[in-house]
Amino acid sequence: MAKKTETLVLPRSKPRNPLLVPGLTRRAGPHGTTRKATRHKMRQRTQQSLAALLDGDKAEFEID
């Protein structure tokens, strides 16, 4: 009897995407303060200044 040869099928590896790995390690973040954060900070400083004026800790003519 003749021997049957079995073909060995290997899965093909997909080509590596050079943009994938840097994209996975990169994290998005803010590039600067947003308008909302700026308004919030200004509002806080105004409230702190008013509280300091009412408590007498700060004279009216003092500027930061």
C-alpha atoms as a PDB file:
ATOM      1  CA  MET A   1       0.000   0.000   0.000  1.00  0.00           C
ATOM      2  CA  ALA A   2       1.112   3.490  -0.738  1.00  0.00           C
ATOM      3  CA  LYS A   3       1.528   5.837   2.167  1.00  0.00           C
ATOM      4  CA  LYS A   4      -0.856   8.767   2.263  1.00  0.00           C
ATOM      5  CA  THR A   5       0.901  12.029   2.800  1.00  0.00           C
ATOM      6  CA  GLU A   6      -0.908  14.413   5.029  1.00  0.00           C
ATOM      7  CA  THR A   7      -0.469  18.059   4.286  1.00  0.00           C
ATOM      8  CA  LEU A   8       0.418  20.194   7.203  1.00  0.00           C
ATOM      9  CA  VAL A   9      -1.492  23.501   7.199  1.00  0.00           C
ATOM     10  CA  LEU A  10       0.086  26.277   9.223  1.00  0.00           C
ATOM     11  CA  PRO A  11      -1.923  29.389  10.060  1.00  0.00           C
ATOM     12  CA  ARG A  12      -0.610  32.457   8.335  1.00  0.00           C
ATOM     13  CA  SER A  13       0.500  35.270  10.559  1.00  0.00           C
ATOM     14  CA  LYS A  14      -0.932  38.632   9.689  1.00  0.00           C
ATOM     15  CA  PRO A  15       1.564  41.330   8.738  1.00  0.00           C
ATOM     16  CA  ARG A  16       2.378  43.594  11.677  1.00  0.00           C
ATOM     17  CA  ASN A  17       0.805  47.012  11.609  1.00  0.00           C
ATOM     18  CA  PRO A  18       3.571  49.514  12.490  1.00  0.00           C
ATOM     19  CA  LEU A  19       1.020  52.068  13.731  1.00  0.00           C
ATOM     20  CA  LEU A  20      -0.749  49.727  16.144  1.00  0.00           C
ATOM     21  CA  VAL A  21       1.802  49.469  18.966  1.00  0.00           C
ATOM     22  CA  PRO A  22       2.453  53.237  19.343  1.00  0.00           C
ATOM     23  CA  GLY A  23      -1.305  53.797  19.222  1.00  0.00           C
ATOM     24  CA  LEU A  24      -1.869  51.371  22.072  1.00  0.00           C
ATOM     25  CA  THR A  25       0.737  52.988  24.309  1.00  0.00           C
ATOM     26  CA  ARG A  26      -0.408  56.555  23.653  1.00  0.00           C
ATOM     27  CA  ARG A  27      -2.867  58.136  26.060  1.00  0.00           C
ATOM     28  CA  ALA A  28      -5.013  61.126  25.266  1.00  0.00           C
ATOM     29  CA  GLY A  29      -4.962  64.090  27.577  1.00  0.00           C
ATOM     30  CA  PRO A  30      -5.645  67.792  27.733  1.00  0.00           C
ATOM     31  CA  HIS A  31      -3.291  70.064  25.838  1.00  0.00           C
ATOM     32  CA  GLY A  32      -4.043  73.063  27.995  1.00  0.00           C
ATOM     33  CA  THR A  33      -6.602  74.465  30.369  1.00  0.00           C
ATOM     34  CA  THR A  34     -10.105  74.558  28.980  1.00  0.00           C
ATOM     35  CA  ARG A  35     -12.358  77.584  29.058  1.00  0.00           C
ATOM     36  CA  LYS A  36     -14.492  75.863  31.650  1.00  0.00           C
ATOM     37  CA  ALA A  37     -11.505  75.320  33.959  1.00  0.00           C
ATOM     38  CA  THR A  38     -10.408  78.941  33.480  1.00  0.00           C
ATOM     39  CA  ARG A  39     -13.878  80.262  34.350  1.00  0.00           C
ATOM     40  CA  HIS A  40     -14.012  77.974  37.378  1.00  0.00           C
ATOM     41  CA  LYS A  41     -10.631  79.212  38.616  1.00  0.00           C
ATOM     42  CA  MET A  42     -11.654  82.857  38.096  1.00  0.00           C
ATOM     43  CA  ARG A  43     -14.910  82.256  39.975  1.00  0.00           C
ATOM     44  CA  GLN A  44     -12.986  80.685  42.868  1.00  0.00           C
ATOM     45  CA  ARG A  45     -10.503  83.572  43.015  1.00  0.00           C
ATOM     46  CA  THR A  46     -13.364  86.096  43.029  1.00  0.00           C
ATOM     47  CA  GLN A  47     -15.094  84.301  45.894  1.00  0.00           C
ATOM     48  CA  GLN A  48     -11.833  84.065  47.842  1.00  0.00           C
ATOM     49  CA  SER A  49     -11.116  87.763  47.278  1.00  0.00           C
ATOM     50  CA  LEU A  50     -14.620  88.722  48.413  1.00  0.00           C
ATOM     51  CA  ALA A  51     -14.305  86.555  51.506  1.00  0.00           C
ATOM     52  CA  ALA A  52     -10.916  88.126  52.300  1.00  0.00           C
ATOM     53  CA  LEU A  53     -12.345  91.645  51.862  1.00  0.00           C
ATOM     54  CA  LEU A  54     -15.316  90.913  54.103  1.00  0.00           C
ATOM     55  CA  ASP A  55     -13.090  89.380  56.774  1.00  0.00           C
ATOM     56  CA  GLY A  56     -10.778  92.393  56.679  1.00  0.00           C
ATOM     57  CA  ASP A  57      -7.744  90.286  55.738  1.00  0.00           C
ATOM     58  CA  LYS A  58      -7.126  92.208  52.548  1.00  0.00           C
ATOM     59  CA  ALA A  59      -7.238  95.910  51.810  1.00  0.00           C
ATOM     60  CA  GLU A  60      -9.363  97.034  48.869  1.00  0.00           C
ATOM     61  CA  PHE A  61      -6.465  98.453  46.899  1.00  0.00           C
ATOM     62  CA  GLU A  62      -4.350  95.246  46.981  1.00  0.00           C
ATOM     63  CA  ILE A  63      -3.988  93.507  43.661  1.00  0.00           C
ATOM     64  CA  ASP A  64      -2.619  89.983  43.216  1.00  0.00           C
END
